[in-house]
Structure formats: C-alpha cells, structure tokens
Amino acid sequence: MSRGRIARWMLEEVGRPYRAEILGFGAPMKSAAYKALNPMGKVPMLVHGDMVVTECAVICAYLADAFPEAGLAPDRSSRLRGPYYRWLFFSAGPLEAAVSNKAFGLEVPPDRERAIGYGNFADAMDTLEYAVGRNEYLVGDRFSAADVYVGSQILWGLQFGSIEKRPVFEAYGARLAARPAAKRANEIDNALIAEMQKAG
C-alpha cells in the first residue's frame, strides 16, 4: 500500500519486462545503501540502466519518454505537450498538497490562501474536476502517463475518502480502473499484500 503501485501501473502500461524489488517500510527504506540512491528513503524508485529516477510523477513522465512506442505521452512537438505537463504536475504539486493537508486536518487560514500553492481544498477539487471532466482523458481522447498519475490519486482518494465523491471523479476513475494494465498491476500488488499479511 504505497506509491509504488503507481509505478507498477505505469510499468504495466509501458508493456516491457521489468524486475521489482519489494522493500518493507521502516529500516529497509532507510538503510544507507538505499538512501545512497534515494536520499528521501521512500518508494518508488526506478533504476533504468545507470539512470536513477524517483518521485511518481517523474517516473511516469520518464517512462513515457524512454519508451515512446507505448504512446503514453504526446510528441514533444505537439501542442498537447503543455496540457500533459500541466495536469501531471498539478497533481504532483497543488493537488497532493491539498489532499494531504485535508487528510491530516490541516486547514489554511483564509487570509493565507494566497501564500500556498493550492489556495484551498475546494479550489483544488474544482480544478481537478475541470481537468478530468472535459474529455475522456486528460489530454484529449488519448490515454497518457498523466492519466496514470492523476488517476491513481483519484482512485486512492475515492477509496480512502480523501477526495470527494463527485460523479466526474467516479466516472473517470472507473474508466481508468478498467484498463487491462491497471487490472494487471492491481492483481500483482494485491497478491503481494495478501502474501505479506499471511507471512506477517
């Protein structure tokens, strides 16, 4: 139950062979060897050749560009590249901050909303609805890595109550959850969770 699920889904969308290493929370993630690669001591982390990539949004963007044949990002010369980056990084920045703060009961005083990137939770939710409610996917009618990242946040938020249950979020989430790669990723991760619970 970590952000590693996002990376798994993205890897399944790419459709190329990969090897996963599972780290337990706590000491394994904070070991000197792991922190030498990822000083944050968190997952996921992607190693591709001699490239180390961390942060889920960056992993999604990196994999889309590293494997263009998967068709998970607009071409670099496309006018859709801007909206693709916009929603990918809106979700990584303002949206995640708004949802996290709300989940921990942290409220921004109204007179300080201008000082924080997302303003207030309602504005973040309205912006998210605007993003996913205009087309089938975030970037027109084509699924992209941005949908993996934004969709993961919406699906997680709907499941655990950190994102409001608006019809547009539920429809978008259901559309993405039905993707074969999303189903494969969930099956793999759910089996791992069951195995760890049985062992623990």
C-alpha atoms as a PDB file:
ATOM      1  CA  MET A   1       0.000   0.000   0.000  1.00  0.00           C
ATOM      2  CA  SER A   2       2.368   2.670  -1.237  1.00  0.00           C
ATOM      3  CA  ARG A   3       3.021   4.999  -4.129  1.00  0.00           C
ATOM      4  CA  GLY A   4       4.884   2.065  -5.631  1.00  0.00           C
ATOM      5  CA  ARG A   5       1.511   0.987  -7.015  1.00  0.00           C
ATOM      6  CA  ILE A   6       1.598   3.989  -9.343  1.00  0.00           C
ATOM      7  CA  ALA A   7       4.983   2.962 -10.742  1.00  0.00           C
ATOM      8  CA  ARG A   8       3.748  -0.627 -11.161  1.00  0.00           C
ATOM      9  CA  TRP A   9       0.729   0.546 -13.162  1.00  0.00           C
ATOM     10  CA  MET A  10       2.928   2.734 -15.347  1.00  0.00           C
ATOM     11  CA  LEU A  11       5.336  -0.151 -15.973  1.00  0.00           C
ATOM     12  CA  GLU A  12       2.415  -2.365 -16.960  1.00  0.00           C
ATOM     13  CA  GLU A  13       1.202   0.332 -19.390  1.00  0.00           C
ATOM     14  CA  VAL A  14       4.690   0.505 -20.933  1.00  0.00           C
ATOM     15  CA  GLY A  15       4.488  -3.234 -21.518  1.00  0.00           C
ATOM     16  CA  ARG A  16       8.203  -4.009 -21.312  1.00  0.00           C
ATOM     17  CA  PRO A  17       9.828  -6.561 -18.975  1.00  0.00           C
ATOM     18  CA  TYR A  18      10.856  -5.207 -15.579  1.00  0.00           C
ATOM     19  CA  ARG A  19      12.038  -6.539 -12.247  1.00  0.00           C
ATOM     20  CA  ALA A  20      10.510  -5.324  -8.999  1.00  0.00           C
ATOM     21  CA  GLU A  21      12.273  -5.290  -5.661  1.00  0.00           C
ATOM     22  CA  ILE A  22       9.963  -5.018  -2.682  1.00  0.00           C
ATOM     23  CA  LEU A  23      11.181  -3.024   0.327  1.00  0.00           C
ATOM     24  CA  GLY A  24       9.483  -3.113   3.688  1.00  0.00           C
ATOM     25  CA  PHE A  25       8.565   0.121   5.398  1.00  0.00           C
ATOM     26  CA  GLY A  26      10.998   1.316   8.047  1.00  0.00           C
ATOM     27  CA  ALA A  27      14.573   0.073   8.204  1.00  0.00           C
ATOM     28  CA  PRO A  28      14.872  -1.312   4.631  1.00  0.00           C
ATOM     29  CA  MET A  29      13.854   2.032   3.113  1.00  0.00           C
ATOM     30  CA  LYS A  30      16.093   3.965   5.484  1.00  0.00           C
ATOM     31  CA  SER A  31      19.197   1.808   5.009  1.00  0.00           C
ATOM     32  CA  ALA A  32      22.419   3.557   3.979  1.00  0.00           C
ATOM     33  CA  ALA A  33      22.551   1.554   0.736  1.00  0.00           C
ATOM     34  CA  TYR A  34      19.038   2.574  -0.309  1.00  0.00           C
ATOM     35  CA  LYS A  35      19.409   6.195   0.798  1.00  0.00           C
ATOM     36  CA  ALA A  36      22.597   6.439  -1.263  1.00  0.00           C
ATOM     37  CA  LEU A  37      20.302   6.038  -4.285  1.00  0.00           C
ATOM     38  CA  ASN A  38      17.234   7.816  -2.917  1.00  0.00           C
ATOM     39  CA  PRO A  39      18.038  10.191  -0.039  1.00  0.00           C
ATOM     40  CA  MET A  40      14.316  10.512   0.757  1.00  0.00           C
ATOM     41  CA  GLY A  41      14.273   6.860   1.792  1.00  0.00           C
ATOM     42  CA  LYS A  42      10.920   6.277   0.100  1.00  0.00           C
ATOM     43  CA  VAL A  43       9.478   4.227  -2.726  1.00  0.00           C
ATOM     44  CA  PRO A  44       9.106   4.038  -5.600  1.00  0.00           C
ATOM     45  CA  MET A  45      12.500   4.356  -7.201  1.00  0.00           C
ATOM     46  CA  LEU A  46      13.222   3.366 -10.778  1.00  0.00           C
ATOM     47  CA  VAL A  47      16.628   2.237 -11.991  1.00  0.00           C
ATOM     48  CA  HIS A  48      16.892   2.164 -15.786  1.00  0.00           C
ATOM     49  CA  GLY A  49      20.417   1.395 -16.922  1.00  0.00           C
ATOM     50  CA  ASP A  50      22.558   3.851 -14.983  1.00  0.00           C
ATOM     51  CA  MET A  51      19.649   6.270 -14.503  1.00  0.00           C
ATOM     52  CA  VAL A  52      18.000   6.569 -11.090  1.00  0.00           C
ATOM     53  CA  VAL A  53      14.567   8.184 -11.112  1.00  0.00           C
ATOM     54  CA  THR A  54      12.402   8.953  -8.072  1.00  0.00           C
ATOM     55  CA  GLU A  55       9.056  10.680  -7.469  1.00  0.00           C
ATOM     56  CA  CYS A  56       5.989   9.105  -9.058  1.00  0.00           C
ATOM     57  CA  ALA A  57       5.130  11.895 -11.480  1.00  0.00           C
ATOM     58  CA  VAL A  58       8.723  11.952 -12.718  1.00  0.00           C
ATOM     59  CA  ILE A  59       8.801   8.154 -13.057  1.00  0.00           C
ATOM     60  CA  CYS A  60       5.627   8.301 -15.161  1.00  0.00           C
ATOM     61  CA  ALA A  61       6.985  11.095 -17.381  1.00  0.00           C
ATOM     62  CA  TYR A  62      10.395   9.415 -17.684  1.00  0.00           C
ATOM     63  CA  LEU A  63       8.983   6.036 -18.708  1.00  0.00           C
ATOM     64  CA  ALA A  64       6.658   7.629 -21.266  1.00  0.00           C
ATOM     65  CA  ASP A  65       9.622   9.339 -22.902  1.00  0.00           C
ATOM     66  CA  ALA A  66      12.000   6.368 -22.548  1.00  0.00           C
ATOM     67  CA  PHE A  67       9.519   4.070 -24.321  1.00  0.00           C
ATOM     68  CA  PRO A  68       7.747   6.259 -26.904  1.00  0.00           C
ATOM     69  CA  GLU A  69       6.412   3.208 -28.725  1.00  0.00           C
ATOM     70  CA  ALA A  70       3.947   2.754 -25.842  1.00  0.00           C
ATOM     71  CA  GLY A  71       2.247   6.026 -26.861  1.00  0.00           C
ATOM     72  CA  LEU A  72       1.932   7.339 -23.300  1.00  0.00           C
ATOM     73  CA  ALA A  73       2.927  10.967 -23.956  1.00  0.00           C
ATOM     74  CA  PRO A  74       2.171  13.472 -26.680  1.00  0.00           C
ATOM     75  CA  ASP A  75       5.009  14.032 -29.114  1.00  0.00           C
ATOM     76  CA  ARG A  76       7.431  16.705 -27.910  1.00  0.00           C
ATOM     77  CA  SER A  77       6.395  18.986 -30.768  1.00  0.00           C
ATOM     78  CA  SER A  78       2.662  18.525 -30.101  1.00  0.00           C
ATOM     79  CA  ARG A  79       0.506  21.337 -28.722  1.00  0.00           C
ATOM     80  CA  LEU A  80      -0.807  18.713 -26.281  1.00  0.00           C
ATOM     81  CA  ARG A  81       2.556  18.532 -24.511  1.00  0.00           C
ATOM     82  CA  GLY A  82       1.664  21.606 -22.432  1.00  0.00           C
ATOM     83  CA  PRO A  83      -1.635  20.222 -21.067  1.00  0.00           C
ATOM     84  CA  TYR A  84       0.085  16.881 -20.475  1.00  0.00           C
ATOM     85  CA  TYR A  85       2.705  18.503 -18.241  1.00  0.00           C
ATOM     86  CA  ARG A  86       0.120  20.817 -16.703  1.00  0.00           C
ATOM     87  CA  TRP A  87      -2.071  18.076 -15.288  1.00  0.00           C
ATOM     88  CA  LEU A  88       0.762  15.704 -14.427  1.00  0.00           C
ATOM     89  CA  PHE A  89       2.470  18.314 -12.275  1.00  0.00           C
ATOM     90  CA  PHE A  90      -0.705  19.947 -10.955  1.00  0.00           C
ATOM     91  CA  SER A  91      -1.458  16.573  -9.446  1.00  0.00           C
ATOM     92  CA  ALA A  92       2.082  16.155  -8.088  1.00  0.00           C
ATOM     93  CA  GLY A  93       2.132  19.615  -6.527  1.00  0.00           C
ATOM     94  CA  PRO A  94      -1.024  21.524  -5.576  1.00  0.00           C
ATOM     95  CA  LEU A  95      -3.405  18.564  -5.623  1.00  0.00           C
ATOM     96  CA  GLU A  96      -1.295  16.231  -3.488  1.00  0.00           C
ATOM     97  CA  ALA A  97      -0.562  19.028  -1.010  1.00  0.00           C
ATOM     98  CA  ALA A  98      -4.262  19.920  -0.736  1.00  0.00           C
ATOM     99  CA  VAL A  99      -5.362  16.306  -0.280  1.00  0.00           C
ATOM    100  CA  SER A 100      -2.597  15.512   2.216  1.00  0.00           C
ATOM    101  CA  ASN A 101      -3.270  18.597   4.307  1.00  0.00           C
ATOM    102  CA  LYS A 102      -7.000  17.894   4.338  1.00  0.00           C
ATOM    103  CA  ALA A 103      -6.410  14.255   5.345  1.00  0.00           C
ATOM    104  CA  PHE A 104      -4.313  15.417   8.323  1.00  0.00           C
ATOM    105  CA  GLY A 105      -6.813  18.096   9.328  1.00  0.00           C
ATOM    106  CA  LEU A 106      -4.567  20.997   8.329  1.00  0.00           C
ATOM    107  CA  GLU A 107      -6.578  23.999   7.183  1.00  0.00           C
ATOM    108  CA  VAL A 108      -5.090  27.036   5.502  1.00  0.00           C
ATOM    109  CA  PRO A 109      -6.456  30.207   7.117  1.00  0.00           C
ATOM    110  CA  PRO A 110      -8.470  32.133   4.501  1.00  0.00           C
ATOM    111  CA  ASP A 111      -6.202  35.158   4.807  1.00  0.00           C
ATOM    112  CA  ARG A 112      -3.162  32.932   3.953  1.00  0.00           C
ATOM    113  CA  GLU A 113      -4.576  31.092   0.910  1.00  0.00           C
ATOM    114  CA  ARG A 114      -2.622  33.309  -1.472  1.00  0.00           C
ATOM    115  CA  ALA A 115       0.616  32.108   0.140  1.00  0.00           C
ATOM    116  CA  ILE A 116       0.061  28.396  -0.562  1.00  0.00           C
ATOM    117  CA  GLY A 117       0.172  26.789  -3.997  1.00  0.00           C
ATOM    118  CA  TYR A 118      -3.282  25.232  -3.960  1.00  0.00           C
ATOM    119  CA  GLY A 119      -5.158  28.077  -2.290  1.00  0.00           C
ATOM    120  CA  ASN A 120      -7.798  25.941  -0.610  1.00  0.00           C
ATOM    121  CA  PHE A 121      -9.106  22.396  -0.837  1.00  0.00           C
ATOM    122  CA  ALA A 122     -12.300  23.379  -2.682  1.00  0.00           C
ATOM    123  CA  ASP A 123     -10.310  25.162  -5.399  1.00  0.00           C
ATOM    124  CA  ALA A 124      -8.070  22.111  -5.813  1.00  0.00           C
ATOM    125  CA  MET A 125     -11.111  19.815  -6.168  1.00  0.00           C
ATOM    126  CA  ASP A 126     -12.801  22.163  -8.645  1.00  0.00           C
ATOM    127  CA  THR A 127      -9.610  22.335 -10.708  1.00  0.00           C
ATOM    128  CA  LEU A 128      -9.333  18.552 -10.671  1.00  0.00           C
ATOM    129  CA  GLU A 129     -12.936  18.268 -11.836  1.00  0.00           C
ATOM    130  CA  TYR A 130     -12.197  20.706 -14.656  1.00  0.00           C
ATOM    131  CA  ALA A 131      -9.173  18.617 -15.662  1.00  0.00           C
ATOM    132  CA  VAL A 132     -10.901  15.234 -15.823  1.00  0.00           C
ATOM    133  CA  GLY A 133     -14.396  16.336 -16.771  1.00  0.00           C
ATOM    134  CA  ARG A 134     -13.835  17.857 -20.202  1.00  0.00           C
ATOM    135  CA  ASN A 135     -12.662  14.830 -22.204  1.00  0.00           C
ATOM    136  CA  GLU A 136     -12.361  11.085 -21.870  1.00  0.00           C
ATOM    137  CA  TYR A 137      -8.744  11.534 -20.783  1.00  0.00           C
ATOM    138  CA  LEU A 138      -6.663  14.457 -19.536  1.00  0.00           C
ATOM    139  CA  VAL A 139      -5.062  15.125 -22.907  1.00  0.00           C
ATOM    140  CA  GLY A 140      -7.958  14.962 -25.352  1.00  0.00           C
ATOM    141  CA  ASP A 141      -9.102  11.492 -26.321  1.00  0.00           C
ATOM    142  CA  ARG A 142      -5.769   9.732 -25.723  1.00  0.00           C
ATOM    143  CA  PHE A 143      -4.703   7.986 -22.531  1.00  0.00           C
ATOM    144  CA  SER A 144      -1.308   9.150 -21.262  1.00  0.00           C
ATOM    145  CA  ALA A 145       1.113   8.869 -18.353  1.00  0.00           C
ATOM    146  CA  ALA A 146      -0.673  11.870 -16.845  1.00  0.00           C
ATOM    147  CA  ASP A 147      -3.799   9.725 -16.547  1.00  0.00           C
ATOM    148  CA  VAL A 148      -1.804   7.056 -14.694  1.00  0.00           C
ATOM    149  CA  TYR A 149      -0.644   9.568 -12.111  1.00  0.00           C
ATOM    150  CA  VAL A 150      -3.801  11.653 -11.764  1.00  0.00           C
ATOM    151  CA  GLY A 151      -5.994   8.570 -11.987  1.00  0.00           C
ATOM    152  CA  SER A 152      -4.019   6.857  -9.236  1.00  0.00           C
ATOM    153  CA  GLN A 153      -4.587   9.803  -6.926  1.00  0.00           C
ATOM    154  CA  ILE A 154      -8.289   9.882  -7.699  1.00  0.00           C
ATOM    155  CA  LEU A 155      -8.769   6.128  -7.275  1.00  0.00           C
ATOM    156  CA  TRP A 156      -6.837   6.136  -3.990  1.00  0.00           C
ATOM    157  CA  GLY A 157      -8.675   9.229  -2.764  1.00  0.00           C
ATOM    158  CA  LEU A 158     -12.100   7.809  -3.585  1.00  0.00           C
ATOM    159  CA  GLN A 159     -11.242   4.521  -1.871  1.00  0.00           C
ATOM    160  CA  PHE A 160      -9.981   6.141   1.324  1.00  0.00           C
ATOM    161  CA  GLY A 161     -12.180   9.252   1.419  1.00  0.00           C
ATOM    162  CA  SER A 162      -9.506  11.886   0.853  1.00  0.00           C
ATOM    163  CA  ILE A 163     -11.078  13.012  -2.430  1.00  0.00           C
ATOM    164  CA  GLU A 164     -14.723  13.992  -2.678  1.00  0.00           C
ATOM    165  CA  LYS A 165     -17.039  11.509  -4.392  1.00  0.00           C
ATOM    166  CA  ARG A 166     -18.062  13.645  -7.321  1.00  0.00           C
ATOM    167  CA  PRO A 167     -19.693  11.856 -10.285  1.00  0.00           C
ATOM    168  CA  VAL A 168     -16.993  13.054 -12.685  1.00  0.00           C
ATOM    169  CA  PHE A 169     -14.250  11.610 -10.466  1.00  0.00           C
ATOM    170  CA  GLU A 170     -16.062   8.290 -10.127  1.00  0.00           C
ATOM    171  CA  ALA A 171     -16.644   8.023 -13.895  1.00  0.00           C
ATOM    172  CA  TYR A 172     -13.037   8.893 -14.720  1.00  0.00           C
ATOM    173  CA  GLY A 173     -11.696   6.507 -12.079  1.00  0.00           C
ATOM    174  CA  ALA A 174     -13.893   3.648 -13.290  1.00  0.00           C
ATOM    175  CA  ARG A 175     -12.751   4.228 -16.874  1.00  0.00           C
ATOM    176  CA  LEU A 176      -9.096   4.025 -15.867  1.00  0.00           C
ATOM    177  CA  ALA A 177      -9.512   1.100 -13.453  1.00  0.00           C
ATOM    178  CA  ALA A 178     -10.965  -0.925 -16.337  1.00  0.00           C
ATOM    179  CA  ARG A 179      -7.730  -0.695 -18.346  1.00  0.00           C
ATOM    180  CA  PRO A 180      -6.003  -4.079 -18.740  1.00  0.00           C
ATOM    181  CA  ALA A 181      -2.669  -2.722 -17.446  1.00  0.00           C
ATOM    182  CA  ALA A 182      -4.367  -1.243 -14.371  1.00  0.00           C
ATOM    183  CA  LYS A 183      -6.047  -4.562 -13.664  1.00  0.00           C
ATOM    184  CA  ARG A 184      -2.765  -6.479 -14.053  1.00  0.00           C
ATOM    185  CA  ALA A 185      -0.941  -4.050 -11.754  1.00  0.00           C
ATOM    186  CA  ASN A 186      -3.655  -4.310  -9.099  1.00  0.00           C
ATOM    187  CA  GLU A 187      -3.653  -8.102  -9.254  1.00  0.00           C
ATOM    188  CA  ILE A 188       0.130  -8.202  -8.753  1.00  0.00           C
ATOM    189  CA  ASP A 189       0.102  -5.716  -5.878  1.00  0.00           C
ATOM    190  CA  ASN A 190      -2.952  -7.192  -4.179  1.00  0.00           C
ATOM    191  CA  ALA A 191      -1.339 -10.636  -4.307  1.00  0.00           C
ATOM    192  CA  LEU A 192       1.817  -9.183  -2.713  1.00  0.00           C
ATOM    193  CA  ILE A 193      -0.227  -7.568   0.049  1.00  0.00           C
ATOM    194  CA  ALA A 194      -2.056 -10.840   0.741  1.00  0.00           C
ATOM    195  CA  GLU A 195       1.252 -12.726   0.800  1.00  0.00           C
ATOM    196  CA  MET A 196       2.813 -10.244   3.253  1.00  0.00           C
ATOM    197  CA  GLN A 197      -0.244 -10.314   5.514  1.00  0.00           C
ATOM    198  CA  LYS A 198      -0.183 -14.095   5.531  1.00  0.00           C
ATOM    199  CA  ALA A 199       3.543 -14.139   6.359  1.00  0.00           C
ATOM    200  CA  GLY A 200       3.281 -11.403   8.996  1.00  0.00           C
END
